[in-house]
Amino acid sequence: MKFSDAGDAAGAKSRLEALGEVVPEIRSLRAHLDELHTEVSWHLHLVTTHRDVDDLRAYQAHPAHLELGAWLRPLLAARAVVDYTEDA
């Protein structure tokens, strides 16, 4: 995630990490702040894992996730998403 104000990234990280405690479809959640602040750096990296695509969709539709998204979207300058399945 790239924020319009980089100072918002730390608060977003804390709020995202709290989702792991309230959304049962999250198997794991890791959020990392950028440390080098280069010209190509983004501010916050989020990785969540889910049992399957149905759990991913349930996470995306969870009220806590929707509430956080409504707070987060106005703060973002850009966002990129990569969804994938790991080989078993």
PDB file of N, CA and C in Angstrom:
ATOM      1  N   MET A   1       0.844  -1.170   0.000  1.00  0.00           N
ATOM      2  CA  MET A   1       0.000   0.000   0.000  1.00  0.00           C
ATOM      3  C   MET A   1       0.889   1.234   0.000  1.00  0.00           C
ATOM      4  N   LYS A   2       0.450   2.219  -0.726  1.00  0.00           N
ATOM      5  CA  LYS A   2       1.141   3.503  -0.729  1.00  0.00           C
ATOM      6  C   LYS A   2       0.137   4.530  -0.207  1.00  0.00           C
ATOM      7  N   PHE A   3       0.530   5.247   0.823  1.00  0.00           N
ATOM      8  CA  PHE A   3      -0.342   6.223   1.462  1.00  0.00           C
ATOM      9  C   PHE A   3      -0.070   7.621   0.937  1.00  0.00           C
ATOM     10  N   SER A   4      -1.097   8.442   0.907  1.00  0.00           N
ATOM     11  CA  SER A   4      -0.902   9.845   0.553  1.00  0.00           C
ATOM     12  C   SER A   4       0.008  10.515   1.565  1.00  0.00           C
ATOM     13  N   ASP A   5      -0.134  10.143   2.832  1.00  0.00           N
ATOM     14  CA  ASP A   5       0.727  10.614   3.919  1.00  0.00           C
ATOM     15  C   ASP A   5       1.376   9.378   4.536  1.00  0.00           C
ATOM     16  N   ALA A   6       2.671   9.214   4.360  1.00  0.00           N
ATOM     17  CA  ALA A   6       3.376   8.028   4.864  1.00  0.00           C
ATOM     18  C   ALA A   6       3.169   7.816   6.358  1.00  0.00           C
ATOM     19  N   GLY A   7       2.876   8.874   7.076  1.00  0.00           N
ATOM     20  CA  GLY A   7       2.654   8.765   8.516  1.00  0.00           C
ATOM     21  C   GLY A   7       1.433   7.941   8.884  1.00  0.00           C
ATOM     22  N   ASP A   8       0.526   7.714   7.937  1.00  0.00           N
ATOM     23  CA  ASP A   8      -0.662   6.914   8.206  1.00  0.00           C
ATOM     24  C   ASP A   8      -0.392   5.410   8.189  1.00  0.00           C
ATOM     25  N   ALA A   9       0.753   5.003   7.668  1.00  0.00           N
ATOM     26  CA  ALA A   9       1.046   3.579   7.505  1.00  0.00           C
ATOM     27  C   ALA A   9       1.111   2.834   8.841  1.00  0.00           C
ATOM     28  N   ALA A  10       1.701   3.414   9.853  1.00  0.00           N
ATOM     29  CA  ALA A  10       1.838   2.723  11.144  1.00  0.00           C
ATOM     30  C   ALA A  10       0.472   2.459  11.781  1.00  0.00           C
ATOM     31  N   GLY A  11      -0.423   3.436  11.716  1.00  0.00           N
ATOM     32  CA  GLY A  11      -1.761   3.227  12.260  1.00  0.00           C
ATOM     33  C   GLY A  11      -2.525   2.182  11.480  1.00  0.00           C
ATOM     34  N   ALA A  12      -2.353   2.170  10.169  1.00  0.00           N
ATOM     35  CA  ALA A  12      -3.003   1.158   9.335  1.00  0.00           C
ATOM     36  C   ALA A  12      -2.469  -0.227   9.670  1.00  0.00           C
ATOM     37  N   LYS A  13      -1.176  -0.327   9.895  1.00  0.00           N
ATOM     38  CA  LYS A  13      -0.571  -1.616  10.262  1.00  0.00           C
ATOM     39  C   LYS A  13      -1.210  -2.159  11.533  1.00  0.00           C
ATOM     40  N   SER A  14      -1.352  -1.329  12.534  1.00  0.00           N
ATOM     41  CA  SER A  14      -1.950  -1.760  13.806  1.00  0.00           C
ATOM     42  C   SER A  14      -3.389  -2.223  13.611  1.00  0.00           C
ATOM     43  N   ARG A  15      -4.152  -1.473  12.831  1.00  0.00           N
ATOM     44  CA  ARG A  15      -5.547  -1.837  12.588  1.00  0.00           C
ATOM     45  C   ARG A  15      -5.655  -3.130  11.786  1.00  0.00           C
ATOM     46  N   LEU A  16      -4.791  -3.291  10.808  1.00  0.00           N
ATOM     47  CA  LEU A  16      -4.804  -4.526  10.017  1.00  0.00           C
ATOM     48  C   LEU A  16      -4.441  -5.727  10.878  1.00  0.00           C
ATOM     49  N   GLU A  17      -3.439  -5.593  11.713  1.00  0.00           N
ATOM     50  CA  GLU A  17      -3.041  -6.703  12.578  1.00  0.00           C
ATOM     51  C   GLU A  17      -4.170  -7.110  13.512  1.00  0.00           C
ATOM     52  N   ALA A  18      -4.990  -6.173  13.934  1.00  0.00           N
ATOM     53  CA  ALA A  18      -6.117  -6.490  14.817  1.00  0.00           C
ATOM     54  C   ALA A  18      -7.162  -7.353  14.118  1.00  0.00           C
ATOM     55  N   LEU A  19      -7.235  -7.291  12.788  1.00  0.00           N
ATOM     56  CA  LEU A  19      -8.187  -8.135  12.067  1.00  0.00           C
ATOM     57  C   LEU A  19      -7.928  -9.619  12.309  1.00  0.00           C
ATOM     58  N   GLY A  20      -6.677  -9.973  12.474  1.00  0.00           N
ATOM     59  CA  GLY A  20      -6.322 -11.375  12.712  1.00  0.00           C
ATOM     60  C   GLY A  20      -6.970 -11.963  13.950  1.00  0.00           C
ATOM     61  N   GLU A  21      -7.344 -11.108  14.870  1.00  0.00           N
ATOM     62  CA  GLU A  21      -7.959 -11.574  16.115  1.00  0.00           C
ATOM     63  C   GLU A  21      -9.478 -11.655  16.028  1.00  0.00           C
ATOM     64  N   VAL A  22     -10.083 -11.028  15.011  1.00  0.00           N
ATOM     65  CA  VAL A  22     -11.551 -10.990  14.945  1.00  0.00           C
ATOM     66  C   VAL A  22     -12.140 -11.652  13.707  1.00  0.00           C
ATOM     67  N   VAL A  23     -11.324 -11.947  12.715  1.00  0.00           N
ATOM     68  CA  VAL A  23     -11.826 -12.585  11.491  1.00  0.00           C
ATOM     69  C   VAL A  23     -11.353 -14.039  11.493  1.00  0.00           C
ATOM     70  N   PRO A  24     -12.261 -14.981  11.741  1.00  0.00           N
ATOM     71  CA  PRO A  24     -11.840 -16.377  11.875  1.00  0.00           C
ATOM     72  C   PRO A  24     -11.283 -16.994  10.593  1.00  0.00           C
ATOM     73  N   GLU A  25     -11.583 -16.426   9.439  1.00  0.00           N
ATOM     74  CA  GLU A  25     -11.097 -16.992   8.181  1.00  0.00           C
ATOM     75  C   GLU A  25      -9.649 -16.627   7.871  1.00  0.00           C
ATOM     76  N   ILE A  26      -9.028 -15.821   8.705  1.00  0.00           N
ATOM     77  CA  ILE A  26      -7.606 -15.498   8.529  1.00  0.00           C
ATOM     78  C   ILE A  26      -6.788 -16.558   9.248  1.00  0.00           C
ATOM     79  N   ARG A  27      -5.993 -17.312   8.484  1.00  0.00           N
ATOM     80  CA  ARG A  27      -5.095 -18.308   9.093  1.00  0.00           C
ATOM     81  C   ARG A  27      -3.849 -17.629   9.641  1.00  0.00           C
ATOM     82  N   SER A  28      -3.323 -16.657   8.879  1.00  0.00           N
ATOM     83  CA  SER A  28      -2.181 -15.875   9.360  1.00  0.00           C
ATOM     84  C   SER A  28      -2.249 -14.502   8.711  1.00  0.00           C
ATOM     85  N   LEU A  29      -1.660 -13.536   9.397  1.00  0.00           N
ATOM     86  CA  LEU A  29      -1.637 -12.160   8.897  1.00  0.00           C
ATOM     87  C   LEU A  29      -0.325 -11.539   9.318  1.00  0.00           C
ATOM     88  N   ARG A  30       0.374 -10.977   8.331  1.00  0.00           N
ATOM     89  CA  ARG A  30       1.632 -10.273   8.607  1.00  0.00           C
ATOM     90  C   ARG A  30       1.582  -8.919   7.904  1.00  0.00           C
ATOM     91  N   ALA A  31       1.958  -7.878   8.607  1.00  0.00           N
ATOM     92  CA  ALA A  31       2.018  -6.536   8.034  1.00  0.00           C
ATOM     93  C   ALA A  31       3.405  -5.964   8.328  1.00  0.00           C
ATOM     94  N   HIS A  32       4.005  -5.343   7.320  1.00  0.00           N
ATOM     95  CA  HIS A  32       5.365  -4.820   7.461  1.00  0.00           C
ATOM     96  C   HIS A  32       5.423  -3.395   6.930  1.00  0.00           C
ATOM     97  N   LEU A  33       6.081  -2.532   7.671  1.00  0.00           N
ATOM     98  CA  LEU A  33       6.325  -1.157   7.230  1.00  0.00           C
ATOM     99  C   LEU A  33       7.625  -1.095   6.438  1.00  0.00           C
ATOM    100  N   ASP A  34       7.665  -0.242   5.435  1.00  0.00           N
ATOM    101  CA  ASP A  34       8.880  -0.026   4.661  1.00  0.00           C
ATOM    102  C   ASP A  34       9.962   0.552   5.567  1.00  0.00           C
ATOM    103  N   GLU A  35      11.177   0.083   5.391  1.00  0.00           N
ATOM    104  CA  GLU A  35      12.280   0.551   6.221  1.00  0.00           C
ATOM    105  C   GLU A  35      13.291   1.415   5.477  1.00  0.00           C
ATOM    106  N   LEU A  36      13.390   1.268   4.162  1.00  0.00           N
ATOM    107  CA  LEU A  36      14.444   1.978   3.429  1.00  0.00           C
ATOM    108  C   LEU A  36      13.983   3.296   2.822  1.00  0.00           C
ATOM    109  N   HIS A  37      12.705   3.438   2.550  1.00  0.00           N
ATOM    110  CA  HIS A  37      12.148   4.690   2.026  1.00  0.00           C
ATOM    111  C   HIS A  37      12.855   5.155   0.755  1.00  0.00           C
ATOM    112  N   THR A  38      12.997   4.245  -0.201  1.00  0.00           N
ATOM    113  CA  THR A  38      13.607   4.594  -1.476  1.00  0.00           C
ATOM    114  C   THR A  38      12.549   5.193  -2.412  1.00  0.00           C
ATOM    115  N   GLU A  39      12.983   5.633  -3.583  1.00  0.00           N
ATOM    116  CA  GLU A  39      12.054   6.221  -4.550  1.00  0.00           C
ATOM    117  C   GLU A  39      10.996   5.231  -5.025  1.00  0.00           C
ATOM    118  N   VAL A  40      11.295   3.944  -5.000  1.00  0.00           N
ATOM    119  CA  VAL A  40      10.347   2.934  -5.479  1.00  0.00           C
ATOM    120  C   VAL A  40       9.622   2.211  -4.343  1.00  0.00           C
ATOM    121  N   SER A  41       9.881   2.603  -3.115  1.00  0.00           N
ATOM    122  CA  SER A  41       9.264   1.944  -1.963  1.00  0.00           C
ATOM    123  C   SER A  41       7.790   2.307  -1.822  1.00  0.00           C
ATOM    124  N   TRP A  42       7.028   1.341  -1.349  1.00  0.00           N
ATOM    125  CA  TRP A  42       5.663   1.577  -0.906  1.00  0.00           C
ATOM    126  C   TRP A  42       5.718   1.534   0.624  1.00  0.00           C
ATOM    127  N   HIS A  43       4.662   1.931   1.300  1.00  0.00           N
ATOM    128  CA  HIS A  43       4.724   2.132   2.749  1.00  0.00           C
ATOM    129  C   HIS A  43       4.396   0.895   3.590  1.00  0.00           C
ATOM    130  N   LEU A  44       3.479   0.072   3.110  1.00  0.00           N
ATOM    131  CA  LEU A  44       2.994  -1.031   3.938  1.00  0.00           C
ATOM    132  C   LEU A  44       2.737  -2.255   3.082  1.00  0.00           C
ATOM    133  N   HIS A  45       3.182  -3.399   3.575  1.00  0.00           N
ATOM    134  CA  HIS A  45       3.010  -4.684   2.898  1.00  0.00           C
ATOM    135  C   HIS A  45       2.169  -5.574   3.812  1.00  0.00           C
ATOM    136  N   LEU A  46       1.117  -6.159   3.263  1.00  0.00           N
ATOM    137  CA  LEU A  46       0.230  -7.038   4.026  1.00  0.00           C
ATOM    138  C   LEU A  46       0.172  -8.392   3.351  1.00  0.00           C
ATOM    139  N   VAL A  47       0.333  -9.463   4.137  1.00  0.00           N
ATOM    140  CA  VAL A  47       0.183 -10.827   3.639  1.00  0.00           C
ATOM    141  C   VAL A  47      -0.789 -11.541   4.554  1.00  0.00           C
ATOM    142  N   THR A  48      -1.865 -12.053   3.971  1.00  0.00           N
ATOM    143  CA  THR A  48      -2.793 -12.888   4.727  1.00  0.00           C
ATOM    144  C   THR A  48      -2.846 -14.252   4.069  1.00  0.00           C
ATOM    145  N   THR A  49      -3.077 -15.277   4.872  1.00  0.00           N
ATOM    146  CA  THR A  49      -3.291 -16.610   4.323  1.00  0.00           C
ATOM    147  C   THR A  49      -4.655 -17.109   4.777  1.00  0.00           C
ATOM    148  N   HIS A  50      -5.236 -17.927   3.904  1.00  0.00           N
ATOM    149  CA  HIS A  50      -6.582 -18.448   4.128  1.00  0.00           C
ATOM    150  C   HIS A  50      -6.604 -19.910   3.701  1.00  0.00           C
ATOM    151  N   ARG A  51      -7.494 -20.671   4.282  1.00  0.00           N
ATOM    152  CA  ARG A  51      -7.598 -22.098   3.978  1.00  0.00           C
ATOM    153  C   ARG A  51      -7.889 -22.328   2.509  1.00  0.00           C
ATOM    154  N   ASP A  52      -8.774 -21.510   1.940  1.00  0.00           N
ATOM    155  CA  ASP A  52      -9.169 -21.664   0.542  1.00  0.00           C
ATOM    156  C   ASP A  52      -9.800 -20.360   0.055  1.00  0.00           C
ATOM    157  N   VAL A  53     -10.226 -20.352  -1.194  1.00  0.00           N
ATOM    158  CA  VAL A  53     -10.786 -19.139  -1.781  1.00  0.00           C
ATOM    159  C   VAL A  53     -12.092 -18.736  -1.086  1.00  0.00           C
ATOM    160  N   ASP A  54     -12.831 -19.702  -0.588  1.00  0.00           N
ATOM    161  CA  ASP A  54     -14.058 -19.366   0.139  1.00  0.00           C
ATOM    162  C   ASP A  54     -13.753 -18.608   1.421  1.00  0.00           C
ATOM    163  N   ASP A  55     -12.686 -19.008   2.117  1.00  0.00           N
ATOM    164  CA  ASP A  55     -12.293 -18.265   3.320  1.00  0.00           C
ATOM    165  C   ASP A  55     -11.772 -16.874   2.967  1.00  0.00           C
ATOM    166  N   LEU A  56     -11.067 -16.753   1.848  1.00  0.00           N
ATOM    167  CA  LEU A  56     -10.618 -15.432   1.402  1.00  0.00           C
ATOM    168  C   LEU A  56     -11.824 -14.531   1.156  1.00  0.00           C
ATOM    169  N   ARG A  57     -12.819 -15.048   0.472  1.00  0.00           N
ATOM    170  CA  ARG A  57     -14.011 -14.243   0.189  1.00  0.00           C
ATOM    171  C   ARG A  57     -14.775 -13.916   1.465  1.00  0.00           C
ATOM    172  N   ALA A  58     -14.821 -14.847   2.412  1.00  0.00           N
ATOM    173  CA  ALA A  58     -15.484 -14.567   3.687  1.00  0.00           C
ATOM    174  C   ALA A  58     -14.742 -13.475   4.448  1.00  0.00           C
ATOM    175  N   TYR A  59     -13.410 -13.508   4.422  1.00  0.00           N
ATOM    176  CA  TYR A  59     -12.593 -12.447   5.031  1.00  0.00           C
ATOM    177  C   TYR A  59     -12.894 -11.106   4.381  1.00  0.00           C
ATOM    178  N   GLN A  60     -12.949 -11.089   3.053  1.00  0.00           N
ATOM    179  CA  GLN A  60     -13.196  -9.843   2.335  1.00  0.00           C
ATOM    180  C   GLN A  60     -14.582  -9.272   2.635  1.00  0.00           C
ATOM    181  N   ALA A  61     -15.542 -10.133   2.951  1.00  0.00           N
ATOM    182  CA  ALA A  61     -16.915  -9.700   3.231  1.00  0.00           C
ATOM    183  C   ALA A  61     -17.183  -9.497   4.718  1.00  0.00           C
ATOM    184  N   HIS A  62     -16.225  -9.829   5.568  1.00  0.00           N
ATOM    185  CA  HIS A  62     -16.415  -9.718   7.019  1.00  0.00           C
ATOM    186  C   HIS A  62     -16.637  -8.249   7.407  1.00  0.00           C
ATOM    187  N   PRO A  63     -17.583  -7.972   8.285  1.00  0.00           N
ATOM    188  CA  PRO A  63     -17.855  -6.580   8.681  1.00  0.00           C
ATOM    189  C   PRO A  63     -16.629  -5.826   9.198  1.00  0.00           C
ATOM    190  N   ALA A  64     -15.747  -6.488   9.926  1.00  0.00           N
ATOM    191  CA  ALA A  64     -14.549  -5.801  10.436  1.00  0.00           C
ATOM    192  C   ALA A  64     -13.625  -5.406   9.280  1.00  0.00           C
ATOM    193  N   HIS A  65     -13.521  -6.251   8.280  1.00  0.00           N
ATOM    194  CA  HIS A  65     -12.698  -5.935   7.106  1.00  0.00           C
ATOM    195  C   HIS A  65     -13.319  -4.793   6.308  1.00  0.00           C
ATOM    196  N   LEU A  66     -14.621  -4.832   6.132  1.00  0.00           N
ATOM    197  CA  LEU A  66     -15.304  -3.764   5.396  1.00  0.00           C
ATOM    198  C   LEU A  66     -15.179  -2.426   6.114  1.00  0.00           C
ATOM    199  N   GLU A  67     -15.297  -2.449   7.427  1.00  0.00           N
ATOM    200  CA  GLU A  67     -15.152  -1.214   8.215  1.00  0.00           C
ATOM    201  C   GLU A  67     -13.738  -0.650   8.086  1.00  0.00           C
ATOM    202  N   LEU A  68     -12.746  -1.520   8.190  1.00  0.00           N
ATOM    203  CA  LEU A  68     -11.359  -1.071   8.049  1.00  0.00           C
ATOM    204  C   LEU A  68     -11.120  -0.526   6.644  1.00  0.00           C
ATOM    205  N   GLY A  69     -11.655  -1.193   5.630  1.00  0.00           N
ATOM    206  CA  GLY A  69     -11.497  -0.729   4.260  1.00  0.00           C
ATOM    207  C   GLY A  69     -12.075   0.655   4.045  1.00  0.00           C
ATOM    208  N   ALA A  70     -13.219   0.914   4.650  1.00  0.00           N
ATOM    209  CA  ALA A  70     -13.847   2.243   4.520  1.00  0.00           C
ATOM    210  C   ALA A  70     -12.963   3.317   5.149  1.00  0.00           C
ATOM    211  N   TRP A  71     -12.294   2.990   6.241  1.00  0.00           N
ATOM    212  CA  TRP A  71     -11.374   3.936   6.884  1.00  0.00           C
ATOM    213  C   TRP A  71     -10.097   4.098   6.054  1.00  0.00           C
ATOM    214  N   LEU A  72      -9.602   2.989   5.504  1.00  0.00           N
ATOM    215  CA  LEU A  72      -8.312   2.951   4.836  1.00  0.00           C
ATOM    216  C   LEU A  72      -8.318   3.578   3.439  1.00  0.00           C
ATOM    217  N   ARG A  73      -9.333   3.299   2.648  1.00  0.00           N
ATOM    218  CA  ARG A  73      -9.347   3.736   1.247  1.00  0.00           C
ATOM    219  C   ARG A  73      -9.056   5.219   1.043  1.00  0.00           C
ATOM    220  N   PRO A  74      -9.635   6.133   1.814  1.00  0.00           N
ATOM    221  CA  PRO A  74      -9.336   7.553   1.585  1.00  0.00           C
ATOM    222  C   PRO A  74      -7.882   7.943   1.879  1.00  0.00           C
ATOM    223  N   LEU A  75      -7.176   7.114   2.630  1.00  0.00           N
ATOM    224  CA  LEU A  75      -5.787   7.411   2.989  1.00  0.00           C
ATOM    225  C   LEU A  75      -4.791   6.953   1.935  1.00  0.00           C
ATOM    226  N   LEU A  76      -5.229   6.074   1.035  1.00  0.00           N
ATOM    227  CA  LEU A  76      -4.322   5.443   0.085  1.00  0.00           C
ATOM    228  C   LEU A  76      -4.139   6.264  -1.180  1.00  0.00           C
ATOM    229  N   ALA A  77      -2.889   6.323  -1.629  1.00  0.00           N
ATOM    230  CA  ALA A  77      -2.581   6.888  -2.938  1.00  0.00           C
ATOM    231  C   ALA A  77      -2.631   5.785  -3.991  1.00  0.00           C
ATOM    232  N   ALA A  78      -2.292   4.544  -3.582  1.00  0.00           N
ATOM    233  CA  ALA A  78      -2.303   3.400  -4.489  1.00  0.00           C
ATOM    234  C   ALA A  78      -2.299   2.114  -3.673  1.00  0.00           C
ATOM    235  N   ARG A  79      -2.769   1.059  -4.343  1.00  0.00           N
ATOM    236  CA  ARG A  79      -2.817  -0.254  -3.694  1.00  0.00           C
ATOM    237  C   ARG A  79      -2.641  -1.304  -4.778  1.00  0.00           C
ATOM    238  N   ALA A  80      -1.916  -2.355  -4.477  1.00  0.00           N
ATOM    239  CA  ALA A  80      -1.737  -3.472  -5.397  1.00  0.00           C
ATOM    240  C   ALA A  80      -2.060  -4.755  -4.648  1.00  0.00           C
ATOM    241  N   VAL A  81      -2.644  -5.701  -5.356  1.00  0.00           N
ATOM    242  CA  VAL A  81      -3.047  -6.972  -4.750  1.00  0.00           C
ATOM    243  C   VAL A  81      -2.549  -8.110  -5.619  1.00  0.00           C
ATOM    244  N   VAL A  82      -2.030  -9.145  -4.984  1.00  0.00           N
ATOM    245  CA  VAL A  82      -1.647 -10.375  -5.669  1.00  0.00           C
ATOM    246  C   VAL A  82      -2.290 -11.522  -4.901  1.00  0.00           C
ATOM    247  N   ASP A  83      -3.247 -12.192  -5.540  1.00  0.00           N
ATOM    248  CA  ASP A  83      -3.888 -13.365  -4.936  1.00  0.00           C
ATOM    249  C   ASP A  83      -3.324 -14.595  -5.639  1.00  0.00           C
ATOM    250  N   TYR A  84      -2.951 -15.599  -4.850  1.00  0.00           N
ATOM    251  CA  TYR A  84      -2.365 -16.811  -5.435  1.00  0.00           C
ATOM    252  C   TYR A  84      -2.639 -17.994  -4.545  1.00  0.00           C
ATOM    253  N   THR A  85      -2.459 -19.180  -5.104  1.00  0.00           N
ATOM    254  CA  THR A  85      -2.609 -20.427  -4.368  1.00  0.00           C
ATOM    255  C   THR A  85      -1.242 -21.079  -4.283  1.00  0.00           C
ATOM    256  N   GLU A  86      -0.870 -21.469  -3.070  1.00  0.00           N
ATOM    257  CA  GLU A  86       0.409 -22.164  -2.904  1.00  0.00           C
ATOM    258  C   GLU A  86       0.226 -23.632  -3.238  1.00  0.00           C
ATOM    259  N   ASP A  87       1.262 -24.228  -3.819  1.00  0.00           N
ATOM    260  CA  ASP A  87       1.221 -25.657  -4.082  1.00  0.00           C
ATOM    261  C   ASP A  87       1.302 -26.414  -2.774  1.00  0.00           C
ATOM    262  N   ALA A  88       0.520 -27.458  -2.663  1.00  0.00           N
ATOM    263  CA  ALA A  88       0.504 -28.252  -1.414  1.00  0.00           C
ATOM    264  C   ALA A  88       1.692 -29.153  -1.317  1.00  0.00           C
TER     265      ALA A  88
END
